[in-house]
Structures are given as structure tokens and as C-alpha cells.
Amino acid sequence: MSDALMDSRAQRALEEPGVLAVATLYAQSFVSGAEKVGEQDAAETLSSFLDDVVAQQPEFRELLFGDFVNRSRKADLINRVIGSSSSEYFMNFLRVLARHERLSLLPEIREVVKRIQERAQGQQRVGVRAASPLSDEAREQIRVSLRAQFGFEAILEESVDAELLGGIVLQVGDTVYDSSLRSRLKMLQGRLVERAFNEIQIGRDRFSHPDGD
């Protein structure tokens, strides 16, 4: 599995609230624990383990993430593969994950760790959907607007959705800001339907009223 594919799967998995909650719990523990013991390169060690060991050794990955071996056996595998080259803090973290059968969440934990570090640096990821690829000018305008409104430096995660017709849809955290042409057309259509319904209702009331003409 390539690094990009692993990251992509992790991002999709984190869209599930349950997965996000568990991964966030372990990621926060990992980051705060590293700070307490002075493990400055903990995040880099995690990424190196996933990219240089797990992604490059499919058989090891299957044993580590799958249900083929028990928890103690997984801990032994970890010791044999990286025990001599990894810090005690990182080894203990992997042992905790093995004990709770959460090793398969390592890609998701890595993704949340990245987000924690970004927020610490005043950055935040923002989903951007547009009908066509954004220009450099549009990207800068979006970043400037988000900085002025929210006070953070936006990391734009862009995607193209031709069905939007025009405009953009921004997702900041759990909030979606929809300024797409499709959304505006739906809103206009809703208003026209509501107006027509009101006119029909007024006409019906006048027709049924004894004084109506």
C-alpha cells in the first residue's frame, strides 16, 4: 500500500464519528505524552514507521493490522522489527495499541496527530469544493477571507464537483458554507414554489369567502 493511498484511506475513515473519536483519543495521548517525556520527534517517528516500515512490508502490515495473530504475538513482532531502532516511548505506545487491538488505527492516529500539530501552529484544514479547479488567485482570496473571519491560516483540501455549476462550498470543521450556483438555484426554486403556493392559497381563500369576487 502506498503512502498516498494509506493517507487517503485514513482521511475517509475519519469521516466516521466513531473512528474519529477513538483516533483522536489516542492521538492526543500520543502528543501530550511525548511532550511530557521530551520526545520531540514522536510525530516523525510515527510517520517513518508507517511510511518506511508498514507501507514497505505488506506481510508485516497484514500481520500487524489483521486478525491473524493475537495481541502478544503482535507485540513480539513489533519488538523484532523495530525494537532496536525505536525509542522506548514509541515502543510503549505501540504496545498499548496492541493490547487494546487498535494497531489498525495507526494511519488514522497519524492523520489526527498532523491536525493537532497544524492547530498548534495556527493552521486549520478547510474543505473546498468547486465546479472547476481553483486558480491561484481564487485560492489566495479564500485564504485571506478565512484568515480575516476566523483568524487561522487555512490549509485548503480541494475537490472538483461539476454538479455545483459554479461558486464554491467550504467546510470549516463541522460547518458547511454553501455559495454554489446549484445551492442558489435550489433556494430560488424553493422561493418560487413557496410564492406559487401562497398565491394559490390566497386565491382559494378568496374563492371560498362569501364576499370574494
N, C-alpha and C. Protein backbone atom coordinates (compact mmCIF):
# COMPACT_ATOMS: atom_id res chain seq x y z
N MET A 1 0.84 -1.19 0.00
CA MET A 1 0.00 0.00 0.00
C MET A 1 0.89 1.25 0.00
N SER A 2 0.65 2.19 -0.91
CA SER A 2 1.47 3.38 -1.00
C SER A 2 1.12 4.34 0.13
N ASP A 3 2.06 5.29 0.39
CA ASP A 3 1.83 6.28 1.45
C ASP A 3 0.59 7.10 1.15
N ALA A 4 0.44 7.51 -0.13
CA ALA A 4 -0.71 8.35 -0.50
C ALA A 4 -2.02 7.60 -0.32
N LEU A 5 -2.02 6.31 -0.68
CA LEU A 5 -3.24 5.52 -0.53
C LEU A 5 -3.59 5.34 0.95
N MET A 6 -2.56 5.11 1.77
CA MET A 6 -2.80 4.96 3.20
C MET A 6 -3.38 6.24 3.80
N ASP A 7 -2.83 7.39 3.40
CA ASP A 7 -3.34 8.67 3.89
C ASP A 7 -4.76 8.91 3.42
N SER A 8 -5.04 8.57 2.16
CA SER A 8 -6.38 8.78 1.62
C SER A 8 -7.41 7.93 2.36
N ARG A 9 -7.07 6.68 2.62
CA ARG A 9 -7.98 5.80 3.36
C ARG A 9 -8.20 6.30 4.78
N ALA A 10 -7.13 6.80 5.39
CA ALA A 10 -7.24 7.32 6.76
C ALA A 10 -8.18 8.52 6.80
N GLN A 11 -8.06 9.41 5.82
CA GLN A 11 -8.92 10.59 5.79
C GLN A 11 -10.38 10.20 5.61
N ARG A 12 -10.63 9.21 4.77
CA ARG A 12 -12.03 8.76 4.57
C ARG A 12 -12.56 8.09 5.83
N ALA A 13 -11.70 7.29 6.48
CA ALA A 13 -12.13 6.60 7.70
C ALA A 13 -12.50 7.58 8.80
N LEU A 14 -11.78 8.71 8.85
CA LEU A 14 -12.03 9.70 9.89
C LEU A 14 -13.33 10.45 9.69
N GLU A 15 -13.99 10.24 8.57
CA GLU A 15 -15.30 10.83 8.37
C GLU A 15 -16.35 10.13 9.22
N GLU A 16 -16.02 8.94 9.71
CA GLU A 16 -16.92 8.23 10.62
C GLU A 16 -16.70 8.75 12.04
N PRO A 17 -17.74 9.27 12.68
CA PRO A 17 -17.58 9.86 14.02
C PRO A 17 -16.93 8.92 15.03
N GLY A 18 -17.29 7.63 15.00
CA GLY A 18 -16.73 6.69 15.94
C GLY A 18 -15.23 6.51 15.76
N VAL A 19 -14.80 6.38 14.51
CA VAL A 19 -13.37 6.23 14.21
C VAL A 19 -12.63 7.49 14.61
N LEU A 20 -13.20 8.65 14.29
CA LEU A 20 -12.56 9.92 14.63
C LEU A 20 -12.39 10.06 16.14
N ALA A 21 -13.41 9.68 16.90
CA ALA A 21 -13.36 9.83 18.35
C ALA A 21 -12.24 8.97 18.95
N VAL A 22 -12.14 7.72 18.52
CA VAL A 22 -11.12 6.82 19.07
C VAL A 22 -9.72 7.26 18.63
N ALA A 23 -9.58 7.59 17.34
CA ALA A 23 -8.27 8.02 16.84
C ALA A 23 -7.82 9.30 17.52
N THR A 24 -8.76 10.21 17.78
CA THR A 24 -8.42 11.46 18.45
C THR A 24 -7.95 11.22 19.88
N LEU A 25 -8.60 10.29 20.57
CA LEU A 25 -8.22 9.95 21.94
C LEU A 25 -6.76 9.48 22.00
N TYR A 26 -6.40 8.56 21.09
CA TYR A 26 -5.03 8.04 21.09
C TYR A 26 -4.04 9.09 20.59
N ALA A 27 -4.44 9.88 19.61
CA ALA A 27 -3.54 10.91 19.07
C ALA A 27 -3.21 11.96 20.13
N GLN A 28 -4.22 12.39 20.86
CA GLN A 28 -3.99 13.38 21.91
C GLN A 28 -3.10 12.82 23.01
N SER A 29 -3.33 11.56 23.36
CA SER A 29 -2.49 10.91 24.36
C SER A 29 -1.05 10.80 23.86
N PHE A 30 -0.90 10.47 22.59
CA PHE A 30 0.43 10.32 22.00
C PHE A 30 1.18 11.65 22.02
N VAL A 31 0.51 12.72 21.63
CA VAL A 31 1.15 14.04 21.56
C VAL A 31 1.47 14.56 22.96
N SER A 32 0.50 14.50 23.87
CA SER A 32 0.73 15.03 25.21
C SER A 32 1.78 14.21 25.95
N GLY A 33 1.76 12.88 25.77
CA GLY A 33 2.76 12.03 26.41
C GLY A 33 4.16 12.33 25.90
N ALA A 34 4.27 12.56 24.61
CA ALA A 34 5.58 12.88 24.03
C ALA A 34 6.11 14.19 24.58
N GLU A 35 5.23 15.16 24.78
CA GLU A 35 5.65 16.44 25.34
C GLU A 35 6.15 16.27 26.78
N LYS A 36 5.48 15.43 27.54
CA LYS A 36 5.86 15.23 28.95
C LYS A 36 7.24 14.59 29.09
N VAL A 37 7.56 13.65 28.19
CA VAL A 37 8.85 12.96 28.31
C VAL A 37 9.93 13.58 27.42
N GLY A 38 9.58 14.68 26.74
CA GLY A 38 10.56 15.36 25.90
C GLY A 38 10.88 14.64 24.60
N GLU A 39 9.91 13.87 24.10
CA GLU A 39 10.10 13.12 22.84
C GLU A 39 9.73 14.05 21.69
N GLN A 40 10.68 14.84 21.23
CA GLN A 40 10.40 15.89 20.26
C GLN A 40 10.11 15.36 18.86
N ASP A 41 10.61 14.19 18.54
CA ASP A 41 10.45 13.65 17.18
C ASP A 41 9.40 12.54 17.12
N ALA A 42 8.47 12.52 18.07
CA ALA A 42 7.50 11.43 18.13
C ALA A 42 6.65 11.36 16.86
N ALA A 43 6.17 12.50 16.38
CA ALA A 43 5.32 12.51 15.18
C ALA A 43 6.10 12.02 13.96
N GLU A 44 7.37 12.44 13.87
CA GLU A 44 8.20 11.99 12.75
C GLU A 44 8.48 10.50 12.84
N THR A 45 8.64 10.00 14.06
CA THR A 45 8.87 8.57 14.25
C THR A 45 7.65 7.77 13.82
N LEU A 46 6.46 8.26 14.17
CA LEU A 46 5.22 7.59 13.77
C LEU A 46 5.09 7.55 12.24
N SER A 47 5.35 8.68 11.59
CA SER A 47 5.26 8.73 10.13
C SER A 47 6.29 7.82 9.48
N SER A 48 7.50 7.81 10.02
CA SER A 48 8.56 6.96 9.47
C SER A 48 8.19 5.48 9.61
N PHE A 49 7.61 5.13 10.75
CA PHE A 49 7.21 3.74 10.96
C PHE A 49 6.16 3.32 9.93
N LEU A 50 5.18 4.18 9.69
CA LEU A 50 4.11 3.85 8.73
C LEU A 50 4.62 3.87 7.29
N ASP A 51 5.43 4.86 6.95
CA ASP A 51 5.87 5.02 5.56
C ASP A 51 7.03 4.08 5.19
N ASP A 52 7.99 3.94 6.10
CA ASP A 52 9.21 3.20 5.76
C ASP A 52 9.16 1.73 6.18
N VAL A 53 8.28 1.39 7.10
CA VAL A 53 8.20 0.00 7.56
C VAL A 53 6.88 -0.64 7.15
N VAL A 54 5.78 -0.08 7.63
CA VAL A 54 4.47 -0.70 7.38
C VAL A 54 4.12 -0.68 5.88
N ALA A 55 4.28 0.47 5.24
CA ALA A 55 3.90 0.56 3.83
C ALA A 55 4.81 -0.25 2.93
N GLN A 56 6.05 -0.47 3.36
CA GLN A 56 7.02 -1.17 2.52
C GLN A 56 7.05 -2.67 2.74
N GLN A 57 6.38 -3.15 3.79
CA GLN A 57 6.40 -4.58 4.09
C GLN A 57 4.96 -5.10 4.21
N PRO A 58 4.36 -5.47 3.09
CA PRO A 58 2.95 -5.89 3.09
C PRO A 58 2.65 -7.04 4.05
N GLU A 59 3.53 -8.01 4.17
CA GLU A 59 3.27 -9.14 5.05
C GLU A 59 3.25 -8.69 6.52
N PHE A 60 4.19 -7.83 6.87
CA PHE A 60 4.22 -7.30 8.23
C PHE A 60 2.96 -6.48 8.50
N ARG A 61 2.54 -5.69 7.51
CA ARG A 61 1.33 -4.88 7.67
C ARG A 61 0.10 -5.74 7.89
N GLU A 62 -0.01 -6.83 7.15
CA GLU A 62 -1.16 -7.71 7.30
C GLU A 62 -1.19 -8.35 8.68
N LEU A 63 -0.03 -8.76 9.16
CA LEU A 63 0.04 -9.36 10.50
C LEU A 63 -0.27 -8.33 11.58
N LEU A 64 0.22 -7.10 11.38
CA LEU A 64 0.05 -6.06 12.37
C LEU A 64 -1.39 -5.57 12.45
N PHE A 65 -2.01 -5.37 11.29
CA PHE A 65 -3.35 -4.77 11.24
C PHE A 65 -4.47 -5.80 11.22
N GLY A 66 -4.15 -7.03 10.86
CA GLY A 66 -5.18 -8.04 10.70
C GLY A 66 -5.49 -8.78 11.98
N ASP A 67 -6.32 -9.81 11.84
CA ASP A 67 -6.74 -10.62 12.98
C ASP A 67 -6.08 -12.01 12.96
N PHE A 68 -4.96 -12.12 12.24
CA PHE A 68 -4.34 -13.43 12.07
C PHE A 68 -3.56 -13.88 13.30
N VAL A 69 -3.03 -12.91 14.06
CA VAL A 69 -2.24 -13.24 15.24
C VAL A 69 -2.81 -12.52 16.45
N ASN A 70 -2.51 -13.03 17.64
CA ASN A 70 -3.05 -12.42 18.85
C ASN A 70 -2.22 -11.21 19.28
N ARG A 71 -2.66 -10.57 20.35
CA ARG A 71 -2.05 -9.33 20.79
C ARG A 71 -0.60 -9.50 21.22
N SER A 72 -0.32 -10.55 21.95
CA SER A 72 1.06 -10.76 22.42
C SER A 72 2.00 -11.04 21.26
N ARG A 73 1.49 -11.78 20.28
CA ARG A 73 2.30 -12.07 19.09
C ARG A 73 2.62 -10.79 18.32
N LYS A 74 1.64 -9.89 18.24
CA LYS A 74 1.88 -8.62 17.56
C LYS A 74 2.95 -7.81 18.29
N ALA A 75 2.89 -7.80 19.62
CA ALA A 75 3.90 -7.09 20.39
C ALA A 75 5.29 -7.67 20.14
N ASP A 76 5.38 -9.00 20.02
CA ASP A 76 6.66 -9.64 19.71
C ASP A 76 7.17 -9.23 18.34
N LEU A 77 6.26 -9.17 17.36
CA LEU A 77 6.64 -8.77 16.01
C LEU A 77 7.19 -7.35 15.99
N ILE A 78 6.54 -6.47 16.73
CA ILE A 78 6.99 -5.08 16.79
C ILE A 78 8.40 -5.01 17.40
N ASN A 79 8.62 -5.76 18.47
CA ASN A 79 9.94 -5.78 19.11
C ASN A 79 11.02 -6.26 18.15
N ARG A 80 10.71 -7.30 17.38
CA ARG A 80 11.68 -7.88 16.46
C ARG A 80 11.98 -6.95 15.30
N VAL A 81 10.97 -6.25 14.81
CA VAL A 81 11.15 -5.43 13.61
C VAL A 81 11.80 -4.08 13.92
N ILE A 82 11.35 -3.40 14.99
CA ILE A 82 11.88 -2.05 15.24
C ILE A 82 12.38 -1.86 16.66
N GLY A 83 12.39 -2.91 17.45
CA GLY A 83 12.77 -2.77 18.85
C GLY A 83 14.14 -2.17 19.07
N SER A 84 15.09 -2.48 18.21
CA SER A 84 16.46 -2.00 18.40
C SER A 84 16.69 -0.60 17.86
N SER A 85 15.73 -0.07 17.09
CA SER A 85 15.95 1.23 16.44
C SER A 85 14.95 2.30 16.88
N SER A 86 14.00 1.95 17.71
CA SER A 86 12.97 2.91 18.10
C SER A 86 13.11 3.29 19.57
N SER A 87 12.53 4.44 19.91
CA SER A 87 12.59 4.91 21.29
C SER A 87 11.66 4.09 22.17
N GLU A 88 11.94 4.08 23.46
CA GLU A 88 11.11 3.34 24.40
C GLU A 88 9.70 3.92 24.44
N TYR A 89 9.60 5.25 24.28
CA TYR A 89 8.27 5.88 24.32
C TYR A 89 7.42 5.37 23.17
N PHE A 90 7.98 5.33 21.97
CA PHE A 90 7.20 4.89 20.81
C PHE A 90 6.87 3.41 20.92
N MET A 91 7.79 2.62 21.40
CA MET A 91 7.53 1.20 21.58
C MET A 91 6.39 0.98 22.57
N ASN A 92 6.40 1.74 23.67
CA ASN A 92 5.33 1.61 24.65
C ASN A 92 3.98 1.99 24.05
N PHE A 93 3.97 3.01 23.21
CA PHE A 93 2.73 3.43 22.57
C PHE A 93 2.19 2.31 21.68
N LEU A 94 3.05 1.69 20.91
CA LEU A 94 2.63 0.57 20.06
C LEU A 94 2.14 -0.60 20.90
N ARG A 95 2.78 -0.85 22.03
CA ARG A 95 2.34 -1.94 22.90
C ARG A 95 0.94 -1.68 23.45
N VAL A 96 0.67 -0.42 23.79
CA VAL A 96 -0.67 -0.07 24.28
C VAL A 96 -1.71 -0.31 23.18
N LEU A 97 -1.39 0.09 21.96
CA LEU A 97 -2.31 -0.13 20.84
C LEU A 97 -2.52 -1.63 20.61
N ALA A 98 -1.45 -2.39 20.71
CA ALA A 98 -1.57 -3.85 20.52
C ALA A 98 -2.44 -4.46 21.59
N ARG A 99 -2.25 -4.01 22.83
CA ARG A 99 -3.01 -4.56 23.95
C ARG A 99 -4.51 -4.28 23.81
N HIS A 100 -4.83 -3.13 23.24
CA HIS A 100 -6.24 -2.76 23.06
C HIS A 100 -6.76 -3.06 21.64
N GLU A 101 -5.92 -3.76 20.86
CA GLU A 101 -6.28 -4.15 19.49
C GLU A 101 -6.65 -2.93 18.64
N ARG A 102 -5.79 -1.91 18.69
CA ARG A 102 -6.02 -0.68 17.95
C ARG A 102 -4.89 -0.37 16.98
N LEU A 103 -4.02 -1.32 16.71
CA LEU A 103 -2.90 -1.06 15.80
C LEU A 103 -3.37 -0.67 14.40
N SER A 104 -4.51 -1.20 13.98
CA SER A 104 -5.02 -0.88 12.64
C SER A 104 -5.41 0.58 12.51
N LEU A 105 -5.52 1.28 13.64
CA LEU A 105 -5.88 2.70 13.63
C LEU A 105 -4.67 3.62 13.48
N LEU A 106 -3.48 3.05 13.34
CA LEU A 106 -2.27 3.88 13.25
C LEU A 106 -2.33 4.93 12.14
N PRO A 107 -2.79 4.60 10.92
CA PRO A 107 -2.88 5.65 9.90
C PRO A 107 -3.82 6.78 10.29
N GLU A 108 -4.95 6.45 10.92
CA GLU A 108 -5.89 7.47 11.35
C GLU A 108 -5.31 8.30 12.49
N ILE A 109 -4.60 7.63 13.41
CA ILE A 109 -3.96 8.35 14.51
C ILE A 109 -2.92 9.32 13.97
N ARG A 110 -2.14 8.88 12.99
CA ARG A 110 -1.15 9.76 12.37
C ARG A 110 -1.82 10.99 11.75
N GLU A 111 -2.96 10.77 11.10
CA GLU A 111 -3.68 11.88 10.47
C GLU A 111 -4.16 12.88 11.52
N VAL A 112 -4.68 12.40 12.64
CA VAL A 112 -5.14 13.31 13.69
C VAL A 112 -3.97 14.03 14.34
N VAL A 113 -2.85 13.35 14.52
CA VAL A 113 -1.64 13.99 15.06
C VAL A 113 -1.24 15.16 14.17
N LYS A 114 -1.31 14.98 12.87
CA LYS A 114 -0.99 16.07 11.94
C LYS A 114 -1.90 17.27 12.18
N ARG A 115 -3.19 17.00 12.36
CA ARG A 115 -4.16 18.07 12.57
C ARG A 115 -3.91 18.79 13.88
N ILE A 116 -3.53 18.04 14.92
CA ILE A 116 -3.21 18.66 16.21
C ILE A 116 -2.01 19.59 16.05
N GLN A 117 -1.01 19.16 15.33
CA GLN A 117 0.18 19.99 15.11
C GLN A 117 -0.17 21.23 14.28
N GLU A 118 -1.02 21.06 13.29
CA GLU A 118 -1.43 22.20 12.47
C GLU A 118 -2.16 23.25 13.31
N ARG A 119 -3.08 22.80 14.16
CA ARG A 119 -3.81 23.75 15.01
C ARG A 119 -2.86 24.47 15.96
N ALA A 120 -1.86 23.74 16.47
CA ALA A 120 -0.89 24.37 17.36
C ALA A 120 -0.10 25.47 16.65
N GLN A 121 0.00 25.37 15.33
CA GLN A 121 0.72 26.35 14.53
C GLN A 121 -0.22 27.40 13.92
N GLY A 122 -1.49 27.40 14.39
CA GLY A 122 -2.45 28.38 13.89
C GLY A 122 -3.01 28.05 12.52
N GLN A 123 -2.96 26.78 12.17
CA GLN A 123 -3.47 26.35 10.87
C GLN A 123 -4.70 25.46 11.06
N GLN A 124 -5.53 25.41 10.03
CA GLN A 124 -6.69 24.50 10.07
C GLN A 124 -7.04 24.09 8.64
N ARG A 125 -7.44 22.85 8.50
CA ARG A 125 -7.83 22.35 7.18
C ARG A 125 -9.25 22.78 6.86
N VAL A 126 -9.43 23.16 5.61
CA VAL A 126 -10.74 23.59 5.14
C VAL A 126 -11.04 22.87 3.83
N GLY A 127 -12.16 22.16 3.79
CA GLY A 127 -12.57 21.50 2.57
C GLY A 127 -13.15 22.51 1.59
N VAL A 128 -12.71 22.43 0.35
CA VAL A 128 -13.20 23.36 -0.69
C VAL A 128 -13.66 22.54 -1.89
N ARG A 129 -14.95 22.64 -2.20
CA ARG A 129 -15.48 22.01 -3.41
C ARG A 129 -15.86 23.11 -4.40
N ALA A 130 -15.43 22.93 -5.64
CA ALA A 130 -15.73 23.91 -6.68
C ALA A 130 -16.10 23.18 -7.96
N ALA A 131 -16.78 23.89 -8.85
CA ALA A 131 -17.21 23.28 -10.10
C ALA A 131 -16.03 23.01 -11.03
N SER A 132 -14.94 23.74 -10.84
CA SER A 132 -13.74 23.55 -11.65
C SER A 132 -12.52 23.83 -10.77
N PRO A 133 -11.33 23.41 -11.18
CA PRO A 133 -10.14 23.64 -10.35
C PRO A 133 -9.95 25.12 -10.03
N LEU A 134 -9.52 25.41 -8.81
CA LEU A 134 -9.33 26.79 -8.38
C LEU A 134 -8.07 27.38 -9.01
N SER A 135 -8.14 28.65 -9.29
CA SER A 135 -6.95 29.37 -9.75
C SER A 135 -6.14 29.79 -8.52
N ASP A 136 -4.89 30.17 -8.74
CA ASP A 136 -4.06 30.64 -7.63
C ASP A 136 -4.69 31.87 -6.98
N GLU A 137 -5.27 32.74 -7.79
CA GLU A 137 -5.91 33.94 -7.25
C GLU A 137 -7.09 33.59 -6.37
N ALA A 138 -7.91 32.60 -6.81
CA ALA A 138 -9.07 32.18 -6.01
C ALA A 138 -8.62 31.57 -4.70
N ARG A 139 -7.57 30.77 -4.73
CA ARG A 139 -7.06 30.17 -3.50
C ARG A 139 -6.64 31.24 -2.51
N GLU A 140 -5.93 32.24 -3.00
CA GLU A 140 -5.45 33.29 -2.10
C GLU A 140 -6.62 34.09 -1.54
N GLN A 141 -7.64 34.35 -2.36
CA GLN A 141 -8.81 35.07 -1.88
C GLN A 141 -9.52 34.29 -0.77
N ILE A 142 -9.62 32.98 -0.94
CA ILE A 142 -10.25 32.14 0.08
C ILE A 142 -9.43 32.17 1.36
N ARG A 143 -8.13 32.05 1.25
CA ARG A 143 -7.28 32.07 2.45
C ARG A 143 -7.38 33.40 3.18
N VAL A 144 -7.37 34.51 2.43
CA VAL A 144 -7.46 35.84 3.04
C VAL A 144 -8.79 36.00 3.76
N SER A 145 -9.88 35.56 3.12
CA SER A 145 -11.21 35.68 3.73
C SER A 145 -11.31 34.85 5.00
N LEU A 146 -10.80 33.63 4.97
CA LEU A 146 -10.85 32.76 6.14
C LEU A 146 -9.98 33.31 7.27
N ARG A 147 -8.83 33.86 6.92
CA ARG A 147 -7.95 34.45 7.93
C ARG A 147 -8.63 35.64 8.61
N ALA A 148 -9.32 36.46 7.81
CA ALA A 148 -9.99 37.64 8.36
C ALA A 148 -11.18 37.24 9.24
N GLN A 149 -11.89 36.18 8.84
CA GLN A 149 -13.10 35.79 9.58
C GLN A 149 -12.81 34.91 10.77
N PHE A 150 -11.86 33.99 10.64
CA PHE A 150 -11.63 33.01 11.70
C PHE A 150 -10.28 33.15 12.40
N GLY A 151 -9.34 33.85 11.78
CA GLY A 151 -8.05 34.07 12.43
C GLY A 151 -7.05 32.95 12.29
N PHE A 152 -7.29 31.98 11.39
CA PHE A 152 -6.30 30.91 11.20
C PHE A 152 -5.82 30.89 9.75
N GLU A 153 -4.68 30.23 9.55
CA GLU A 153 -4.16 30.03 8.20
C GLU A 153 -4.79 28.75 7.65
N ALA A 154 -5.49 28.86 6.55
CA ALA A 154 -6.23 27.72 6.01
C ALA A 154 -5.33 26.83 5.16
N ILE A 155 -5.47 25.53 5.40
CA ILE A 155 -4.87 24.52 4.53
C ILE A 155 -6.02 23.99 3.68
N LEU A 156 -6.03 24.34 2.43
CA LEU A 156 -7.17 24.01 1.57
C LEU A 156 -7.07 22.58 1.05
N GLU A 157 -8.15 21.83 1.25
CA GLU A 157 -8.26 20.48 0.70
C GLU A 157 -9.30 20.54 -0.41
N GLU A 158 -8.82 20.59 -1.63
CA GLU A 158 -9.67 20.91 -2.77
C GLU A 158 -10.22 19.66 -3.46
N SER A 159 -11.44 19.80 -3.97
CA SER A 159 -12.03 18.76 -4.81
C SER A 159 -12.93 19.43 -5.84
N VAL A 160 -13.11 18.76 -6.95
CA VAL A 160 -13.94 19.30 -8.05
C VAL A 160 -15.26 18.56 -8.11
N ASP A 161 -16.35 19.32 -8.16
CA ASP A 161 -17.70 18.75 -8.25
C ASP A 161 -18.45 19.54 -9.31
N ALA A 162 -18.48 18.99 -10.54
CA ALA A 162 -19.09 19.70 -11.66
C ALA A 162 -20.57 19.99 -11.44
N GLU A 163 -21.23 19.22 -10.58
CA GLU A 163 -22.65 19.43 -10.34
C GLU A 163 -22.94 20.73 -9.61
N LEU A 164 -21.92 21.35 -9.04
CA LEU A 164 -22.13 22.62 -8.35
C LEU A 164 -22.44 23.75 -9.32
N LEU A 165 -22.06 23.57 -10.59
CA LEU A 165 -22.30 24.54 -11.68
C LEU A 165 -21.41 25.77 -11.57
N GLY A 166 -21.25 26.30 -10.38
CA GLY A 166 -20.43 27.49 -10.15
C GLY A 166 -20.36 27.77 -8.67
N GLY A 167 -19.49 28.73 -8.28
CA GLY A 167 -19.35 29.03 -6.86
C GLY A 167 -18.57 27.95 -6.14
N ILE A 168 -18.55 28.02 -4.81
CA ILE A 168 -17.79 27.05 -4.01
C ILE A 168 -18.58 26.63 -2.77
N VAL A 169 -18.16 25.51 -2.20
CA VAL A 169 -18.69 25.03 -0.93
C VAL A 169 -17.49 24.85 0.01
N LEU A 170 -17.53 25.53 1.15
CA LEU A 170 -16.46 25.44 2.13
C LEU A 170 -16.93 24.64 3.34
N GLN A 171 -16.07 23.78 3.87
CA GLN A 171 -16.35 23.09 5.11
C GLN A 171 -15.27 23.43 6.11
N VAL A 172 -15.66 24.15 7.16
CA VAL A 172 -14.76 24.54 8.24
C VAL A 172 -15.20 23.77 9.48
N GLY A 173 -14.43 22.77 9.86
CA GLY A 173 -14.85 21.91 10.96
C GLY A 173 -16.13 21.17 10.57
N ASP A 174 -17.16 21.31 11.37
CA ASP A 174 -18.44 20.65 11.09
C ASP A 174 -19.42 21.56 10.37
N THR A 175 -19.00 22.78 10.05
CA THR A 175 -19.90 23.76 9.44
C THR A 175 -19.64 23.87 7.95
N VAL A 176 -20.72 23.85 7.17
CA VAL A 176 -20.61 23.95 5.72
C VAL A 176 -21.17 25.29 5.27
N TYR A 177 -20.38 25.99 4.45
CA TYR A 177 -20.80 27.27 3.88
C TYR A 177 -20.96 27.06 2.37
N ASP A 178 -22.21 27.11 1.92
CA ASP A 178 -22.52 26.76 0.53
C ASP A 178 -22.90 28.01 -0.25
N SER A 179 -22.01 28.44 -1.14
CA SER A 179 -22.30 29.58 -2.01
C SER A 179 -22.31 29.15 -3.48
N SER A 180 -22.58 27.87 -3.70
CA SER A 180 -22.57 27.34 -5.07
C SER A 180 -23.79 27.80 -5.83
N LEU A 181 -23.66 27.81 -7.16
CA LEU A 181 -24.78 28.19 -8.02
C LEU A 181 -25.92 27.19 -7.88
N ARG A 182 -25.58 25.92 -7.71
CA ARG A 182 -26.63 24.91 -7.54
C ARG A 182 -27.45 25.20 -6.30
N SER A 183 -26.77 25.58 -5.21
CA SER A 183 -27.48 25.89 -3.98
C SER A 183 -28.37 27.11 -4.15
N ARG A 184 -27.86 28.13 -4.84
CA ARG A 184 -28.66 29.34 -5.05
C ARG A 184 -29.87 29.06 -5.92
N LEU A 185 -29.70 28.20 -6.93
CA LEU A 185 -30.83 27.84 -7.79
C LEU A 185 -31.89 27.08 -7.01
N LYS A 186 -31.45 26.18 -6.13
CA LYS A 186 -32.40 25.44 -5.30
C LYS A 186 -33.16 26.38 -4.38
N MET A 187 -32.43 27.37 -3.83
CA MET A 187 -33.06 28.33 -2.94
C MET A 187 -34.09 29.16 -3.71
N LEU A 188 -33.71 29.59 -4.93
CA LEU A 188 -34.63 30.36 -5.76
C LEU A 188 -35.85 29.53 -6.12
N GLN A 189 -35.63 28.28 -6.48
CA GLN A 189 -36.74 27.39 -6.82
C GLN A 189 -37.68 27.23 -5.63
N GLY A 190 -37.09 27.07 -4.44
CA GLY A 190 -37.91 26.94 -3.24
C GLY A 190 -38.75 28.17 -2.99
N ARG A 191 -38.17 29.34 -3.23
CA ARG A 191 -38.92 30.58 -3.03
C ARG A 191 -40.05 30.71 -4.04
N LEU A 192 -39.78 30.30 -5.29
CA LEU A 192 -40.82 30.38 -6.32
C LEU A 192 -41.97 29.43 -6.01
N VAL A 193 -41.62 28.22 -5.54
CA VAL A 193 -42.66 27.26 -5.17
C VAL A 193 -43.48 27.79 -4.00
N GLU A 194 -42.79 28.36 -3.02
CA GLU A 194 -43.50 28.91 -1.87
C GLU A 194 -44.40 30.07 -2.28
N ARG A 195 -43.90 30.91 -3.18
CA ARG A 195 -44.71 32.04 -3.66
C ARG A 195 -45.94 31.55 -4.40
N ALA A 196 -45.75 30.53 -5.27
CA ALA A 196 -46.88 29.98 -6.02
C ALA A 196 -47.91 29.37 -5.07
N PHE A 197 -47.43 28.66 -4.07
CA PHE A 197 -48.33 28.04 -3.09
C PHE A 197 -49.14 29.11 -2.35
N ASN A 198 -48.45 30.19 -1.96
CA ASN A 198 -49.14 31.27 -1.26
C ASN A 198 -50.21 31.91 -2.13
N GLU A 199 -49.88 32.11 -3.43
CA GLU A 199 -50.85 32.72 -4.35
C GLU A 199 -52.06 31.82 -4.55
N ILE A 200 -51.80 30.51 -4.63
CA ILE A 200 -52.90 29.56 -4.77
C ILE A 200 -53.78 29.59 -3.52
N GLN A 201 -53.13 29.64 -2.36
CA GLN A 201 -53.87 29.66 -1.10
C GLN A 201 -54.71 30.93 -0.98
N ILE A 202 -54.14 32.07 -1.39
CA ILE A 202 -54.89 33.33 -1.35
C ILE A 202 -56.10 33.27 -2.28
N GLY A 203 -55.86 32.72 -3.49
CA GLY A 203 -56.97 32.60 -4.44
C GLY A 203 -58.06 31.67 -3.92
N ARG A 204 -57.66 30.59 -3.27
CA ARG A 204 -58.63 29.65 -2.72
C ARG A 204 -59.43 30.31 -1.60
N ASP A 205 -58.76 31.11 -0.77
CA ASP A 205 -59.45 31.78 0.32
C ASP A 205 -60.45 32.80 -0.23
N ARG A 206 -60.04 33.51 -1.25
CA ARG A 206 -60.96 34.50 -1.83
C ARG A 206 -62.15 33.82 -2.49
N PHE A 207 -61.90 32.69 -3.15
CA PHE A 207 -62.99 31.99 -3.84
C PHE A 207 -64.02 31.43 -2.83
N SER A 208 -63.48 30.95 -1.68
CA SER A 208 -64.37 30.34 -0.69
C SER A 208 -65.04 31.38 0.21
N HIS A 209 -64.53 32.63 0.20
CA HIS A 209 -65.09 33.66 1.06
C HIS A 209 -66.38 34.21 0.43
N PRO A 210 -67.45 34.36 1.20
CA PRO A 210 -68.73 34.81 0.61
C PRO A 210 -68.65 36.20 0.02
N ASP A 211 -67.70 37.03 0.46
CA ASP A 211 -67.59 38.39 -0.08
C ASP A 211 -66.58 38.47 -1.21
N GLY A 212 -65.97 37.34 -1.53
CA GLY A 212 -64.95 37.40 -2.57
C GLY A 212 -65.55 37.63 -3.93
N ASP A 213 -64.76 38.21 -4.87
CA ASP A 213 -65.27 38.44 -6.21
C ASP A 213 -64.49 37.63 -7.25
